[in-house]
Amino acid sequence: MTKIPLKVRKEIDADPAYKICALHGKHGHVCGGRITMEHALIYAGRQIQEKWAIVAVCAAAQEVDSFQDARTMKKELNIWAALNQATEADFARFPRALYGSMKVRLNRKYGEYMRPEESGIIY
C-alpha cells in the first residue's frame, strides 16, 4: 500500500464524511474498529491516488487490526462506494467503459449509494 499524497490527504481530512465508515448501515455491514482509508480502485497496476477512489471504512470492512483474516471485507462494496463518490470529471481520466459499466452493474446489484450525510447520519 502506498501513502496517500499530502494534497489528497488534506482534502480527505477536510471532509466530515471521511470520519465515519462509508458502509455504515449498508447491506448488513456491521462496523467495528477504527476508521481506515482504503484505496478501493486500481488502474494499470497502481492504486488510484484521488479522493474519490479512496473510501473511509472501518477496520472490519478492510480486515485490519483485530479483524485480520476475519473475512469481513467485501471488496465489491468498497468499490461500489468509491465509484459512486466519483463525478463524470473524475472518470474522464480513465476508460469510461471500465468504470462506468462497473458503476452501473454495482448500482443494479446494491442500489444507488448515498454518502453518509445523504443517508441522515449525523457526524
Protein backbone atom coordinates (compact mmCIF):
# COMPACT_ATOMS: atom_id res chain seq x y z
CA MET A 1 0.00 0.00 0.00
CA THR A 2 1.28 3.44 -0.88
CA LYS A 3 0.87 6.59 1.14
CA ILE A 4 -1.91 8.99 0.29
CA PRO A 5 -0.42 12.15 -1.27
CA LEU A 6 -0.47 15.19 1.04
CA LYS A 7 -2.84 17.17 -1.22
CA VAL A 8 -5.38 14.33 -1.24
CA ARG A 9 -4.91 13.74 2.49
CA LYS A 10 -5.80 17.39 3.16
CA GLU A 11 -8.98 17.05 1.07
CA ILE A 12 -9.94 13.89 2.96
CA ASP A 13 -9.21 15.45 6.36
CA ALA A 14 -11.46 18.43 5.49
CA ASP A 15 -14.43 16.21 4.53
CA PRO A 16 -16.56 15.12 7.51
CA ALA A 17 -17.89 12.13 5.53
CA TYR A 18 -14.43 10.56 5.87
CA LYS A 19 -14.80 10.44 9.66
CA ILE A 20 -17.26 7.51 9.56
CA CYS A 21 -17.38 4.22 7.70
CA ALA A 22 -18.71 4.58 4.15
CA LEU A 23 -20.52 1.26 4.57
CA HIS A 24 -22.21 2.15 7.87
CA GLY A 25 -25.69 0.61 7.82
CA LYS A 26 -25.40 -0.65 4.25
CA HIS A 27 -26.16 -4.22 3.18
CA GLY A 28 -25.84 -5.73 6.62
CA HIS A 29 -22.38 -4.31 7.27
CA VAL A 30 -21.51 -4.26 10.96
CA CYS A 31 -18.86 -1.67 11.74
CA GLY A 32 -16.00 -2.40 14.05
CA GLY A 33 -12.72 -0.77 14.93
CA ARG A 34 -11.09 2.45 13.84
CA ILE A 35 -11.68 4.31 10.56
CA THR A 36 -9.14 3.48 7.87
CA MET A 37 -8.63 4.71 4.32
CA GLU A 38 -8.87 2.08 1.63
CA HIS A 39 -7.68 2.53 -1.93
CA ALA A 40 -10.68 0.81 -3.48
CA LEU A 41 -9.60 1.05 -7.11
CA ILE A 42 -6.51 0.08 -9.05
CA TYR A 43 -5.76 1.19 -12.60
CA ALA A 44 -2.81 -0.01 -14.67
CA GLY A 45 -1.47 -1.89 -11.66
CA ARG A 46 -1.39 1.15 -9.38
CA GLN A 47 -3.71 2.46 -6.71
CA ILE A 48 -5.68 5.48 -7.87
CA GLN A 49 -4.46 8.34 -5.68
CA GLU A 50 -7.55 10.53 -5.87
CA LYS A 51 -10.06 11.34 -3.14
CA TRP A 52 -13.00 9.69 -4.89
CA ALA A 53 -11.12 6.37 -5.22
CA ILE A 54 -10.25 6.22 -1.53
CA VAL A 55 -13.03 5.25 0.86
CA ALA A 56 -13.20 5.64 4.62
CA VAL A 57 -14.09 2.26 6.05
CA CYS A 58 -13.90 0.72 9.49
CA ALA A 59 -11.23 -1.83 10.35
CA ALA A 60 -13.75 -4.64 9.87
CA ALA A 61 -14.51 -3.52 6.30
CA GLN A 62 -10.81 -3.52 5.45
CA GLU A 63 -9.85 -6.58 7.53
CA VAL A 64 -7.10 -4.88 9.51
CA ASP A 65 -6.15 -4.78 13.17
CA SER A 66 -8.12 -7.34 15.19
CA PHE A 67 -10.22 -8.17 12.07
CA GLN A 68 -7.23 -9.59 10.15
CA ASP A 69 -8.33 -12.80 8.39
CA ALA A 70 -11.86 -12.43 9.79
CA ARG A 71 -13.39 -12.48 6.28
CA THR A 72 -15.33 -9.31 6.99
CA MET A 73 -14.14 -7.41 3.91
CA LYS A 74 -16.47 -7.22 0.93
CA LYS A 75 -14.23 -5.51 -1.62
CA GLU A 76 -17.09 -5.09 -4.07
CA LEU A 77 -18.93 -2.84 -1.58
CA ASN A 78 -15.81 -0.69 -1.16
CA ILE A 79 -15.57 -0.34 -4.95
CA TRP A 80 -19.31 0.48 -5.13
CA ALA A 81 -18.85 3.28 -2.58
CA ALA A 82 -15.79 4.68 -4.39
CA LEU A 83 -17.40 4.67 -7.84
CA ASN A 84 -20.44 6.49 -6.50
CA GLN A 85 -18.23 9.21 -4.99
CA ALA A 86 -16.81 9.96 -8.44
CA THR A 87 -18.09 12.64 -10.77
CA GLU A 88 -18.08 12.49 -14.55
CA ALA A 89 -14.97 14.69 -14.49
CA ASP A 90 -13.25 12.16 -12.22
CA PHE A 91 -14.00 9.39 -14.71
CA ALA A 92 -12.65 11.45 -17.62
CA ARG A 93 -9.07 10.31 -17.00
CA PHE A 94 -9.97 6.62 -17.02
CA PRO A 95 -11.70 4.34 -19.52
CA ARG A 96 -15.39 5.19 -19.25
CA ALA A 97 -16.31 1.69 -20.39
CA LEU A 98 -14.41 0.18 -17.45
CA TYR A 99 -15.60 2.27 -14.52
CA GLY A 100 -18.88 3.48 -15.98
CA SER A 101 -20.13 -0.02 -16.69
CA MET A 102 -18.83 -1.26 -13.33
CA LYS A 103 -20.75 1.52 -11.55
CA VAL A 104 -23.95 0.67 -13.43
CA ARG A 105 -23.57 -3.04 -12.61
CA LEU A 106 -22.90 -2.42 -8.92
CA ASN A 107 -25.77 0.07 -8.64
CA ARG A 108 -28.10 -2.55 -10.11
CA LYS A 109 -26.85 -5.06 -7.57
CA TYR A 110 -26.70 -2.84 -4.45
CA GLY A 111 -28.86 0.17 -5.34
CA GLU A 112 -27.86 3.80 -5.52
CA TYR A 113 -25.15 4.63 -3.00
CA MET A 114 -25.81 7.50 -0.63
CA ARG A 115 -22.99 9.24 1.21
CA PRO A 116 -23.43 9.20 4.99
CA GLU A 117 -24.72 12.78 5.15
CA GLU A 118 -27.30 12.00 2.46
CA SER A 119 -28.49 9.00 4.49
CA GLY A 120 -29.25 11.15 7.51
CA ILE A 121 -26.18 10.12 9.52
CA ILE A 122 -25.06 12.98 11.73
CA TYR A 123 -21.34 13.48 12.26
